[in-house]
Structure formats: C-alpha cells, structure tokens
Amino acid sequence: MKKFAESTCRKVTSLRSTVESIMIILVSYVEKGLQIQPEFLMIGVSGLLTLQSPKRFRELSLPTLKKITKMAREAYIPSHLHSCGGEETAALLQLV
C-alpha cells in the first residue's frame, strides 16, 4: 500500500508540474496574441473543464483562466471559453 501511495503522489506531482508548464505557455501565448488586438479572444482549451474533476479544475486551471480573462478584460478584448461537452460541462461551469 505504501508503494501505491508513493506512486500516486509522484503521478499527481508530475501532473501538477505538467499542467503548470502548460499554463505558463498558455499565458505567454495570450500575452503575444493580445498585442495584435484581436476582435475577441477564444480560450479554446475545453479540456481545462471536461478532463478534470471540479476540485482539480479549481486548483490547477481556474487561476490561469482567471488570469487570462483578466488580461483580455484589461486590454478591452472580449473573451469566451469554448467547451466541447454536454450537460456535465454546463453543470461544471456553474461551479465556477
């Protein structure tokens, strides 16, 4: 059981590291994209919502999503989050 717990902890740490790296890249991409002043910003990473539990979404993705939407708002660029999914996704969005 101890080995399983240690393995699980390593996987969660690795996942968190990977997600954090992706979020840094995403923020950088948005910074560059906003410089050209597009008509709107579509945040097209629906996996942020649909592939995580609500707890993990709040912990790993929501801070970056808030940062990106704030960046767009400060640049006076409307933004929206594209999300492939059905009712489950809609229910998750209500949690945000």
C-alpha atoms as a PDB file:
ATOM      1  CA  MET A   1       0.000   0.000   0.000  1.00  0.00           C
ATOM      2  CA  LYS A   2       2.861   2.358   0.799  1.00  0.00           C
ATOM      3  CA  LYS A   3       4.363   1.863  -2.680  1.00  0.00           C
ATOM      4  CA  PHE A   4       0.972   2.552  -4.268  1.00  0.00           C
ATOM      5  CA  ALA A   5       0.593   5.763  -2.243  1.00  0.00           C
ATOM      6  CA  GLU A   6       4.104   6.895  -3.173  1.00  0.00           C
ATOM      7  CA  SER A   7       3.476   6.118  -6.833  1.00  0.00           C
ATOM      8  CA  THR A   8       0.194   8.035  -6.762  1.00  0.00           C
ATOM      9  CA  CYS A   9       1.869  11.037  -5.127  1.00  0.00           C
ATOM     10  CA  ARG A  10       4.566  11.043  -7.824  1.00  0.00           C
ATOM     11  CA  LYS A  11       1.918  10.919 -10.555  1.00  0.00           C
ATOM     12  CA  VAL A  12      -0.062  13.805  -9.011  1.00  0.00           C
ATOM     13  CA  THR A  13       3.122  15.844  -8.626  1.00  0.00           C
ATOM     14  CA  SER A  14       4.063  15.099 -12.224  1.00  0.00           C
ATOM     15  CA  LEU A  15       0.567  16.045 -13.428  1.00  0.00           C
ATOM     16  CA  ARG A  16       0.649  19.282 -11.455  1.00  0.00           C
ATOM     17  CA  SER A  17       4.072  20.099 -12.919  1.00  0.00           C
ATOM     18  CA  THR A  18       2.894  19.377 -16.446  1.00  0.00           C
ATOM     19  CA  VAL A  19      -0.270  21.455 -16.055  1.00  0.00           C
ATOM     20  CA  GLU A  20       1.684  24.356 -14.558  1.00  0.00           C
ATOM     21  CA  SER A  21       4.094  24.284 -17.519  1.00  0.00           C
ATOM     22  CA  ILE A  22       1.200  24.276 -19.979  1.00  0.00           C
ATOM     23  CA  MET A  23      -0.436  27.189 -18.157  1.00  0.00           C
ATOM     24  CA  ILE A  24       2.766  29.251 -18.353  1.00  0.00           C
ATOM     25  CA  ILE A  25       2.921  28.612 -22.093  1.00  0.00           C
ATOM     26  CA  LEU A  26      -0.775  29.482 -22.459  1.00  0.00           C
ATOM     27  CA  VAL A  27      -0.389  32.799 -20.623  1.00  0.00           C
ATOM     28  CA  SER A  28       2.629  33.657 -22.781  1.00  0.00           C
ATOM     29  CA  TYR A  29       0.661  32.810 -25.927  1.00  0.00           C
ATOM     30  CA  VAL A  30      -2.233  35.026 -24.804  1.00  0.00           C
ATOM     31  CA  GLU A  31       0.136  37.909 -23.985  1.00  0.00           C
ATOM     32  CA  LYS A  32       1.522  37.770 -27.506  1.00  0.00           C
ATOM     33  CA  GLY A  33      -1.919  37.354 -29.052  1.00  0.00           C
ATOM     34  CA  LEU A  34      -3.376  40.353 -27.248  1.00  0.00           C
ATOM     35  CA  GLN A  35      -0.621  42.553 -28.658  1.00  0.00           C
ATOM     36  CA  ILE A  36      -2.243  42.356 -32.085  1.00  0.00           C
ATOM     37  CA  GLN A  37      -5.569  43.486 -30.566  1.00  0.00           C
ATOM     38  CA  PRO A  38      -7.916  40.836 -31.948  1.00  0.00           C
ATOM     39  CA  GLU A  39     -11.661  41.413 -32.017  1.00  0.00           C
ATOM     40  CA  PHE A  40     -12.105  38.737 -29.349  1.00  0.00           C
ATOM     41  CA  LEU A  41     -10.192  36.032 -27.535  1.00  0.00           C
ATOM     42  CA  MET A  42     -11.468  32.478 -27.705  1.00  0.00           C
ATOM     43  CA  ILE A  43      -9.958  30.339 -24.985  1.00  0.00           C
ATOM     44  CA  GLY A  44     -10.138  27.002 -26.740  1.00  0.00           C
ATOM     45  CA  VAL A  45      -8.875  24.591 -24.146  1.00  0.00           C
ATOM     46  CA  SER A  46     -12.047  22.829 -23.134  1.00  0.00           C
ATOM     47  CA  GLY A  47     -10.000  20.080 -21.519  1.00  0.00           C
ATOM     48  CA  LEU A  48      -9.470  22.553 -18.697  1.00  0.00           C
ATOM     49  CA  LEU A  49     -13.072  21.846 -17.780  1.00  0.00           C
ATOM     50  CA  THR A  50     -14.018  18.492 -19.179  1.00  0.00           C
ATOM     51  CA  LEU A  51     -10.998  16.368 -18.330  1.00  0.00           C
ATOM     52  CA  GLN A  52     -10.605  17.300 -14.677  1.00  0.00           C
ATOM     53  CA  SER A  53     -12.672  16.961 -11.546  1.00  0.00           C
ATOM     54  CA  PRO A  54     -14.137  20.219 -10.183  1.00  0.00           C
ATOM     55  CA  LYS A  55     -11.550  20.106  -7.366  1.00  0.00           C
ATOM     56  CA  ARG A  56      -8.620  19.745  -9.774  1.00  0.00           C
ATOM     57  CA  PHE A  57     -10.083  22.381 -12.086  1.00  0.00           C
ATOM     58  CA  ARG A  58     -10.253  24.910  -9.243  1.00  0.00           C
ATOM     59  CA  GLU A  59      -6.764  24.005  -8.094  1.00  0.00           C
ATOM     60  CA  LEU A  60      -4.910  23.733 -11.402  1.00  0.00           C
ATOM     61  CA  SER A  61      -6.784  25.562 -14.149  1.00  0.00           C
ATOM     62  CA  LEU A  62      -9.069  28.204 -12.685  1.00  0.00           C
ATOM     63  CA  PRO A  63      -6.251  30.542 -11.553  1.00  0.00           C
ATOM     64  CA  THR A  64      -4.845  30.632 -15.088  1.00  0.00           C
ATOM     65  CA  LEU A  65      -8.280  31.010 -16.646  1.00  0.00           C
ATOM     66  CA  LYS A  66      -8.935  33.978 -14.359  1.00  0.00           C
ATOM     67  CA  LYS A  67      -5.561  35.479 -15.262  1.00  0.00           C
ATOM     68  CA  ILE A  68      -6.197  35.140 -18.990  1.00  0.00           C
ATOM     69  CA  THR A  69      -9.685  36.633 -18.817  1.00  0.00           C
ATOM     70  CA  LYS A  70      -8.347  39.491 -16.695  1.00  0.00           C
ATOM     71  CA  MET A  71      -5.631  40.146 -19.278  1.00  0.00           C
ATOM     72  CA  ALA A  72      -8.253  40.267 -22.030  1.00  0.00           C
ATOM     73  CA  ARG A  73     -10.561  42.492 -19.986  1.00  0.00           C
ATOM     74  CA  GLU A  74      -7.722  44.932 -19.256  1.00  0.00           C
ATOM     75  CA  ALA A  75      -6.974  45.052 -22.989  1.00  0.00           C
ATOM     76  CA  TYR A  76     -10.701  45.697 -23.687  1.00  0.00           C
ATOM     77  CA  ILE A  77     -10.891  42.440 -25.666  1.00  0.00           C
ATOM     78  CA  PRO A  78     -13.981  40.266 -25.105  1.00  0.00           C
ATOM     79  CA  SER A  79     -13.190  36.653 -24.289  1.00  0.00           C
ATOM     80  CA  HIS A  80     -15.042  33.390 -24.037  1.00  0.00           C
ATOM     81  CA  LEU A  81     -14.174  29.838 -23.142  1.00  0.00           C
ATOM     82  CA  HIS A  82     -15.015  27.270 -25.781  1.00  0.00           C
ATOM     83  CA  SER A  83     -16.034  23.989 -24.246  1.00  0.00           C
ATOM     84  CA  CYS A  84     -16.867  20.787 -26.064  1.00  0.00           C
ATOM     85  CA  GLY A  85     -19.258  18.881 -23.893  1.00  0.00           C
ATOM     86  CA  GLY A  86     -22.805  18.414 -22.847  1.00  0.00           C
ATOM     87  CA  GLU A  87     -24.753  18.847 -19.677  1.00  0.00           C
ATOM     88  CA  GLU A  88     -21.872  17.703 -17.489  1.00  0.00           C
ATOM     89  CA  THR A  89     -19.783  20.620 -18.716  1.00  0.00           C
ATOM     90  CA  ALA A  90     -22.648  23.040 -18.184  1.00  0.00           C
ATOM     91  CA  ALA A  91     -23.011  21.802 -14.633  1.00  0.00           C
ATOM     92  CA  LEU A  92     -19.289  22.263 -14.047  1.00  0.00           C
ATOM     93  CA  LEU A  93     -19.407  25.804 -15.384  1.00  0.00           C
ATOM     94  CA  GLN A  94     -21.982  26.626 -12.735  1.00  0.00           C
ATOM     95  CA  LEU A  95     -19.398  25.696 -10.108  1.00  0.00           C
ATOM     96  CA  VAL A  96     -17.049  28.388 -11.352  1.00  0.00           C
END
